[in-house]
C-alpha atoms as a PDB file:
ATOM      1  CA  MET A   1     169.774  24.543 100.600  1.00  0.00           C
ATOM      2  CA  THR A   2     166.192  23.355 100.290  1.00  0.00           C
ATOM      3  CA  SER A   3     164.674  21.932 103.451  1.00  0.00           C
ATOM      4  CA  ALA A   4     162.085  19.190 103.678  1.00  0.00           C
ATOM      5  CA  LEU A   5     159.758  17.610 106.200  1.00  0.00           C
ATOM      6  CA  LEU A   6     160.084  13.849 106.461  1.00  0.00           C
ATOM      7  CA  SER A   7     157.135  11.902 107.830  1.00  0.00           C
ATOM      8  CA  LEU A   8     158.017   9.745 110.826  1.00  0.00           C
ATOM      9  CA  SER A   9     154.724   7.886 110.603  1.00  0.00           C
ATOM     10  CA  ALA A  10     155.563   6.209 107.301  1.00  0.00           C
ATOM     11  CA  LEU A  11     158.676   4.724 108.868  1.00  0.00           C
ATOM     12  CA  LEU A  12     157.753   3.784 112.397  1.00  0.00           C
ATOM     13  CA  THR A  13     156.109   0.468 111.576  1.00  0.00           C
ATOM     14  CA  ALA A  14     158.895  -0.595 109.233  1.00  0.00           C
ATOM     15  CA  SER A  15     161.780   0.462 111.449  1.00  0.00           C
ATOM     16  CA  ALA A  16     161.284   1.406 115.087  1.00  0.00           C
ATOM     17  CA  LEU A  17     158.395  -0.875 115.964  1.00  0.00           C
ATOM     18  CA  ALA A  18     159.330  -3.779 113.705  1.00  0.00           C
ATOM     19  CA  ALA A  19     162.855  -3.875 115.131  1.00  0.00           C
ATOM     20  CA  PRO A  20     163.050  -1.708 118.277  1.00  0.00           C
ATOM     21  CA  SER A  21     166.432  -0.535 119.420  1.00  0.00           C
ATOM     22  CA  ALA A  22     167.997  -2.030 122.516  1.00  0.00           C
ATOM     23  CA  GLY A  23     166.811  -0.356 125.684  1.00  0.00           C
ATOM     24  CA  ALA A  24     163.483   0.804 124.228  1.00  0.00           C
ATOM     25  CA  ALA A  25     160.576   0.837 126.652  1.00  0.00           C
ATOM     26  CA  PRO A  26     158.182  -2.107 126.300  1.00  0.00           C
ATOM     27  CA  HIS A  27     155.140  -1.405 124.155  1.00  0.00           C
ATOM     28  CA  ASN A  28     152.646  -3.450 126.164  1.00  0.00           C
ATOM     29  CA  ASP A  29     152.456  -1.421 129.383  1.00  0.00           C
ATOM     30  CA  ARG A  30     149.293   0.481 128.443  1.00  0.00           C
ATOM     31  CA  PRO A  31     148.047   2.626 131.371  1.00  0.00           C
ATOM     32  CA  ALA A  32     144.368   2.983 132.155  1.00  0.00           C
ATOM     33  CA  GLY A  33     142.749   5.371 129.699  1.00  0.00           C
ATOM     34  CA  VAL A  34     145.018   4.520 126.780  1.00  0.00           C
ATOM     35  CA  PRO A  35     142.848   2.940 124.052  1.00  0.00           C
ATOM     36  CA  ALA A  36     143.677  -0.310 122.323  1.00  0.00           C
ATOM     37  CA  GLY A  37     145.889   0.138 119.276  1.00  0.00           C
ATOM     38  CA  TRP A  38     147.962   2.934 120.802  1.00  0.00           C
ATOM     39  CA  GLU A  39     151.432   1.835 121.885  1.00  0.00           C
ATOM     40  CA  ARG A  40     153.932   3.901 123.830  1.00  0.00           C
ATOM     41  CA  VAL A  41     156.993   5.200 121.975  1.00  0.00           C
ATOM     42  CA  ALA A  42     160.407   5.322 123.677  1.00  0.00           C
ATOM     43  CA  GLY A  43     163.254   7.723 122.988  1.00  0.00           C
ATOM     44  CA  ALA A  44     165.211   5.036 121.168  1.00  0.00           C
ATOM     45  CA  ASP A  45     162.382   4.710 118.654  1.00  0.00           C
ATOM     46  CA  LEU A  46     162.493   8.372 117.591  1.00  0.00           C
ATOM     47  CA  THR A  47     166.282   8.391 117.561  1.00  0.00           C
ATOM     48  CA  HIS A  48     166.318   5.291 115.356  1.00  0.00           C
ATOM     49  CA  ILE A  49     164.006   6.990 112.859  1.00  0.00           C
ATOM     50  CA  THR A  50     166.096  10.156 112.577  1.00  0.00           C
ATOM     51  CA  GLY A  51     168.976   8.042 111.265  1.00  0.00           C
ATOM     52  CA  ALA A  52     166.878   6.001 108.840  1.00  0.00           C
ATOM     53  CA  SER A  53     167.061   6.353 105.074  1.00  0.00           C
ATOM     54  CA  GLY A  54     164.522   6.334 102.249  1.00  0.00           C
ATOM     55  CA  ARG A  55     162.011   8.497 104.110  1.00  0.00           C
ATOM     56  CA  GLN A  56     158.939   9.923 102.512  1.00  0.00           C
ATOM     57  CA  GLN A  57     159.144  13.637 101.825  1.00  0.00           C
ATOM     58  CA  SER A  58     156.405  16.137 102.630  1.00  0.00           C
ATOM     59  CA  PRO A  59     156.085  19.744 101.338  1.00  0.00           C
ATOM     60  CA  SER A  60     157.429  22.588 103.444  1.00  0.00           C
ATOM     61  CA  ALA A  61     158.575  26.154 103.093  1.00  0.00           C
ATOM     62  CA  PRO A  62     162.168  26.098 101.772  1.00  0.00           C
ATOM     63  CA  GLY A  63     165.237  27.380 103.502  1.00  0.00           C
ATOM     64  CA  ARG A  64     163.849  28.181 106.947  1.00  0.00           C
ATOM     65  CA  GLN A  65     163.914  24.946 108.970  1.00  0.00           C
ATOM     66  CA  GLN A  66     166.394  24.012 111.647  1.00  0.00           C
ATOM     67  CA  PRO A  67     168.708  21.280 110.266  1.00  0.00           C
ATOM     68  CA  LEU A  68     169.453  18.002 111.976  1.00  0.00           C
ATOM     69  CA  SER A  69     172.826  17.647 113.635  1.00  0.00           C
ATOM     70  CA  GLY A  70     175.501  16.338 111.326  1.00  0.00           C
ATOM     71  CA  SER A  71     176.315  17.134 107.713  1.00  0.00           C
ATOM     72  CA  GLY A  72     173.468  17.117 105.218  1.00  0.00           C
ATOM     73  CA  GLY A  73     170.884  16.670 107.949  1.00  0.00           C
ATOM     74  CA  SER A  74     171.108  12.882 107.729  1.00  0.00           C
ATOM     75  CA  ALA A  75     173.052  11.949 110.855  1.00  0.00           C
ATOM     76  CA  SER A  76     171.385  10.279 113.818  1.00  0.00           C
ATOM     77  CA  ALA A  77     170.409  12.481 116.719  1.00  0.00           C
ATOM     78  CA  PRO A  78     172.040  11.976 120.128  1.00  0.00           C
ATOM     79  CA  ALA A  79     170.844   8.946 122.063  1.00  0.00           C
ATOM     80  CA  ASP A  80     168.754  11.005 124.474  1.00  0.00           C
ATOM     81  CA  GLU A  81     166.798  13.136 122.021  1.00  0.00           C
ATOM     82  CA  SER A  82     165.448  13.268 118.489  1.00  0.00           C
ATOM     83  CA  GLY A  83     166.252  15.844 115.853  1.00  0.00           C
ATOM     84  CA  PRO A  84     163.952  18.857 115.411  1.00  0.00           C
ATOM     85  CA  LEU A  85     160.361  17.816 114.822  1.00  0.00           C
ATOM     86  CA  ALA A  86     157.206  19.484 113.551  1.00  0.00           C
ATOM     87  CA  ILE A  87     153.811  18.606 115.043  1.00  0.00           C
ATOM     88  CA  LYS A  88     150.901  18.496 112.590  1.00  0.00           C
ATOM     89  CA  SER A  89     147.294  18.324 113.782  1.00  0.00           C
ATOM     90  CA  MET A  90     145.148  15.826 111.912  1.00  0.00           C
ATOM     91  CA  ARG A  91     142.039  17.834 112.809  1.00  0.00           C
ATOM     92  CA  ASN A  92     142.866  20.866 110.676  1.00  0.00           C
ATOM     93  CA  GLY A  93     145.987  19.740 108.791  1.00  0.00           C
ATOM     94  CA  ARG A  94     148.110  22.544 110.238  1.00  0.00           C
ATOM     95  CA  PHE A  95     151.474  22.618 111.981  1.00  0.00           C
ATOM     96  CA  THR A  96     151.862  23.670 115.597  1.00  0.00           C
ATOM     97  CA  ALA A  97     153.535  27.028 116.235  1.00  0.00           C
ATOM     98  CA  THR A  98     154.767  28.696 119.425  1.00  0.00           C
ATOM     99  CA  GLU A  99     153.112  32.083 119.918  1.00  0.00           C
ATOM    100  CA  VAL A 100     156.134  33.895 121.316  1.00  0.00           C
ATOM    101  CA  ASN A 101     154.563  37.306 120.615  1.00  0.00           C
ATOM    102  CA  TYR A 102     151.410  36.685 122.615  1.00  0.00           C
ATOM    103  CA  ALA A 103     150.945  38.867 125.674  1.00  0.00           C
ATOM    104  CA  ALA A 104     150.965  37.384 129.169  1.00  0.00           C
ATOM    105  CA  PRO A 105     149.581  35.063 130.414  1.00  0.00           C
ATOM    106  CA  ASN A 106     149.394  33.291 127.030  1.00  0.00           C
ATOM    107  CA  THR A 107     152.972  33.992 125.914  1.00  0.00           C
ATOM    108  CA  GLY A 108     154.358  30.863 124.271  1.00  0.00           C
ATOM    109  CA  ALA A 109     151.005  29.133 123.744  1.00  0.00           C
ATOM    110  CA  LEU A 110     151.083  26.271 121.228  1.00  0.00           C
ATOM    111  CA  ARG A 111     148.609  26.565 118.341  1.00  0.00           C
ATOM    112  CA  ALA A 112     148.116  24.417 115.233  1.00  0.00           C
ATOM    113  CA  ARG A 113     147.812  27.349 112.857  1.00  0.00           C
ATOM    114  CA  SER A 114     150.671  27.164 110.292  1.00  0.00           C
ATOM    115  CA  THR A 115     150.170  25.762 106.788  1.00  0.00           C
ATOM    116  CA  ALA A 116     153.911  25.067 106.479  1.00  0.00           C
ATOM    117  CA  VAL A 117     157.037  24.920 108.615  1.00  0.00           C
ATOM    118  CA  THR A 118     158.604  28.326 108.102  1.00  0.00           C
ATOM    119  CA  GLY A 119     161.262  28.226 110.815  1.00  0.00           C
ATOM    120  CA  ALA A 120     161.795  27.901 114.544  1.00  0.00           C
ATOM    121  CA  TRP A 121     158.171  28.822 115.308  1.00  0.00           C
ATOM    122  CA  GLU A 122     157.111  25.315 114.207  1.00  0.00           C
ATOM    123  CA  SER A 123     160.229  23.437 115.370  1.00  0.00           C
ATOM    124  CA  PHE A 124     160.443  21.342 118.538  1.00  0.00           C
ATOM    125  CA  ALA A 125     163.062  19.142 120.199  1.00  0.00           C
ATOM    126  CA  PHE A 126     161.751  15.989 121.876  1.00  0.00           C
ATOM    127  CA  GLU A 127     164.135  15.150 124.736  1.00  0.00           C
ATOM    128  CA  TRP A 128     163.946  11.659 126.246  1.00  0.00           C
ATOM    129  CA  ASP A 129     164.451  11.048 129.969  1.00  0.00           C
ATOM    130  CA  GLU A 130     165.594   7.475 130.524  1.00  0.00           C
ATOM    131  CA  ALA A 131     164.911   7.614 134.268  1.00  0.00           C
ATOM    132  CA  ASP A 132     161.177   8.253 134.075  1.00  0.00           C
ATOM    133  CA  GLN A 133     160.653   7.112 130.464  1.00  0.00           C
ATOM    134  CA  THR A 134     159.034  10.375 129.347  1.00  0.00           C
ATOM    135  CA  PHE A 135     159.690  13.191 126.900  1.00  0.00           C
ATOM    136  CA  ALA A 136     160.167  16.907 127.435  1.00  0.00           C
ATOM    137  CA  ILE A 137     159.192  19.052 124.458  1.00  0.00           C
ATOM    138  CA  LYS A 138     161.330  22.127 123.866  1.00  0.00           C
ATOM    139  CA  SER A 139     160.256  24.902 121.512  1.00  0.00           C
ATOM    140  CA  LEU A 140     163.061  26.133 119.284  1.00  0.00           C
ATOM    141  CA  ALA A 141     161.241  29.462 118.895  1.00  0.00           C
ATOM    142  CA  ASN A 142     162.147  30.576 122.420  1.00  0.00           C
ATOM    143  CA  ASN A 143     164.206  27.625 123.776  1.00  0.00           C
ATOM    144  CA  ARG A 144     161.611  27.013 126.483  1.00  0.00           C
ATOM    145  CA  TYR A 145     160.062  23.723 127.566  1.00  0.00           C
ATOM    146  CA  VAL A 146     156.372  23.117 126.963  1.00  0.00           C
ATOM    147  CA  ALA A 147     154.327  23.031 130.177  1.00  0.00           C
ATOM    148  CA  VAL A 148     150.705  22.085 130.830  1.00  0.00           C
ATOM    149  CA  GLU A 149     148.979  25.026 132.503  1.00  0.00           C
ATOM    150  CA  LYS A 150     146.886  23.036 134.940  1.00  0.00           C
ATOM    151  CA  ASN A 151     146.122  26.095 137.094  1.00  0.00           C
ATOM    152  CA  PHE A 152     144.724  28.174 134.254  1.00  0.00           C
ATOM    153  CA  THR A 153     140.937  28.514 134.334  1.00  0.00           C
ATOM    154  CA  GLY A 154     138.153  28.436 131.778  1.00  0.00           C
ATOM    155  CA  GLN A 155     138.965  27.629 128.162  1.00  0.00           C
ATOM    156  CA  ALA A 156     142.680  28.142 128.811  1.00  0.00           C
ATOM    157  CA  GLN A 157     142.941  25.398 131.445  1.00  0.00           C
ATOM    158  CA  ASN A 158     145.617  22.795 130.554  1.00  0.00           C
ATOM    159  CA  THR A 159     146.909  24.876 127.639  1.00  0.00           C
ATOM    160  CA  LEU A 160     150.324  23.803 126.334  1.00  0.00           C
ATOM    161  CA  ARG A 161     152.739  26.699 126.690  1.00  0.00           C
ATOM    162  CA  ALA A 162     156.482  26.952 125.976  1.00  0.00           C
ATOM    163  CA  ARG A 163     157.496  28.911 129.073  1.00  0.00           C
ATOM    164  CA  SER A 164     159.794  26.798 131.292  1.00  0.00           C
ATOM    165  CA  THR A 165     163.590  26.955 131.497  1.00  0.00           C
ATOM    166  CA  THR A 166     163.769  23.431 132.998  1.00  0.00           C
ATOM    167  CA  ALA A 167     161.684  20.286 132.593  1.00  0.00           C
ATOM    168  CA  GLY A 168     159.850  19.103 135.702  1.00  0.00           C
ATOM    169  CA  GLY A 169     156.517  17.408 136.311  1.00  0.00           C
ATOM    170  CA  TRP A 170     154.543  20.053 134.405  1.00  0.00           C
ATOM    171  CA  GLU A 171     156.693  19.479 131.303  1.00  0.00           C
ATOM    172  CA  ARG A 172     156.661  15.655 130.943  1.00  0.00           C
ATOM    173  CA  PHE A 173     154.804  13.801 128.192  1.00  0.00           C
ATOM    174  CA  GLU A 174     154.279  10.277 126.908  1.00  0.00           C
ATOM    175  CA  ILE A 175     154.021   9.658 123.166  1.00  0.00           C
ATOM    176  CA  TYR A 176     151.789   6.947 121.727  1.00  0.00           C
ATOM    177  CA  HIS A 177     151.693   5.599 118.184  1.00  0.00           C
ATOM    178  CA  ASN A 178     148.849   3.848 116.382  1.00  0.00           C
ATOM    179  CA  GLU A 179     150.264   1.423 113.848  1.00  0.00           C
ATOM    180  CA  ASP A 180     147.033   1.121 111.834  1.00  0.00           C
ATOM    181  CA  LEU A 181     146.542   4.886 111.570  1.00  0.00           C
ATOM    182  CA  ASN A 182     150.256   5.760 111.457  1.00  0.00           C
ATOM    183  CA  LEU A 183     149.523   8.668 113.791  1.00  0.00           C
ATOM    184  CA  TYR A 184     150.629   9.868 117.221  1.00  0.00           C
ATOM    185  CA  ALA A 185     149.011  11.032 120.458  1.00  0.00           C
ATOM    186  CA  LEU A 186     150.611  13.050 123.259  1.00  0.00           C
ATOM    187  CA  ARG A 187     149.697  12.446 126.903  1.00  0.00           C
ATOM    188  CA  SER A 188     150.611  14.750 129.776  1.00  0.00           C
ATOM    189  CA  THR A 189     151.918  12.969 132.870  1.00  0.00           C
ATOM    190  CA  LEU A 190     150.837  15.951 134.983  1.00  0.00           C
ATOM    191  CA  ASN A 191     147.107  15.250 134.597  1.00  0.00           C
ATOM    192  CA  ASN A 192     147.210  11.964 132.607  1.00  0.00           C
ATOM    193  CA  LEU A 193     145.163  13.519 129.797  1.00  0.00           C
ATOM    194  CA  PHE A 194     145.747  13.485 126.044  1.00  0.00           C
ATOM    195  CA  VAL A 195     146.560  16.650 124.107  1.00  0.00           C
ATOM    196  CA  ALA A 196     143.737  17.902 121.895  1.00  0.00           C
ATOM    197  CA  MET A 197     143.626  20.673 119.311  1.00  0.00           C
ATOM    198  CA  GLU A 198     140.775  23.104 119.977  1.00  0.00           C
ATOM    199  CA  ASN A 199     139.426  23.505 116.460  1.00  0.00           C
ATOM    200  CA  SER A 200     136.167  25.073 117.655  1.00  0.00           C
ATOM    201  CA  TYR A 201     137.741  27.844 119.709  1.00  0.00           C
ATOM    202  CA  THR A 202     137.604  31.404 118.409  1.00  0.00           C
ATOM    203  CA  GLY A 203     139.879  34.374 118.913  1.00  0.00           C
ATOM    204  CA  SER A 204     143.493  34.195 120.030  1.00  0.00           C
ATOM    205  CA  LEU A 205     143.198  30.646 121.397  1.00  0.00           C
ATOM    206  CA  GLN A 206     141.743  29.126 118.235  1.00  0.00           C
ATOM    207  CA  TYR A 207     143.582  25.873 117.395  1.00  0.00           C
ATOM    208  CA  THR A 208     145.360  25.926 120.758  1.00  0.00           C
ATOM    209  CA  LEU A 209     146.709  22.623 122.123  1.00  0.00           C
ATOM    210  CA  ARG A 210     145.326  21.512 125.508  1.00  0.00           C
ATOM    211  CA  ALA A 211     145.873  18.402 127.626  1.00  0.00           C
ATOM    212  CA  ARG A 212     142.206  17.752 128.337  1.00  0.00           C
ATOM    213  CA  SER A 213     141.045  14.439 126.795  1.00  0.00           C
ATOM    214  CA  ALA A 214     140.712  11.203 128.770  1.00  0.00           C
ATOM    215  CA  ASP A 215     140.857   9.167 125.555  1.00  0.00           C
ATOM    216  CA  VAL A 216     141.856   9.462 121.908  1.00  0.00           C
ATOM    217  CA  THR A 217     138.374  10.024 120.508  1.00  0.00           C
ATOM    218  CA  GLY A 218     139.330  11.163 117.010  1.00  0.00           C
ATOM    219  CA  SER A 219     141.319  13.679 115.012  1.00  0.00           C
ATOM    220  CA  TRP A 220     141.248  16.218 117.869  1.00  0.00           C
ATOM    221  CA  GLU A 221     143.876  14.110 119.685  1.00  0.00           C
ATOM    222  CA  GLN A 222     145.705  12.741 116.634  1.00  0.00           C
ATOM    223  CA  PHE A 223     148.935  14.238 115.301  1.00  0.00           C
ATOM    224  CA  ASP A 224     151.652  13.441 112.799  1.00  0.00           C
ATOM    225  CA  LEU A 225     155.301  14.114 113.590  1.00  0.00           C
ATOM    226  CA  TYR A 226     157.702  15.307 110.891  1.00  0.00           C
ATOM    227  CA  ASN A 227     161.467  15.213 111.068  1.00  0.00           C
ATOM    228  CA  ILE A 228     162.865  18.560 109.887  1.00  0.00           C
ATOM    229  CA  VAL A 229     165.980  18.408 107.738  1.00  0.00           C
ATOM    230  CA  GLY A 230     167.871  21.001 105.772  1.00  0.00           C
END
């Protein structure tokens, strides 16, 4: 069976934001530091999109992606989480992978380094928590939740790393969507900073994702989300 990546951005304006599902979080409660034009996305929005039809297809490596739940990969995800997603950096046009083979302390670091979604390395589950209105991001490469390493020092400080077995304060994120750009931004609730892709880094942390920006200043903090089907 050939798999495909389906862009969520092309659909969000027409479906989730134009007619939000019941119970979705309001889109006008913009915290300090969130720029105009970026509206918060609730779990119901992503779930609504996973069940939509007529989505735009995007190239991917065939036969390796995790399918959505349900036959044919077209069924809606459970109410509290989306189907598997891929995270593409708009800075370098690459998909985020979990570096499960990295040695400690960087085991599980997230890096935008893949030209295609080849399997679980680039697959993530976005799990919605209705109580605090945030997402936990779980890597399907190692079934660990993504944490912000606030206590790391130097260039590694605030690195995103899939290393937690449960989702607490270090693992909570808000997702924002810009309707004009049709792009997304991720904001850590641990330090209230946006996730950026470190395009200028060299070595093993090149293209690493870090929660370090106070604002969405450009493509460093801009991502596209793709629904993975098979």
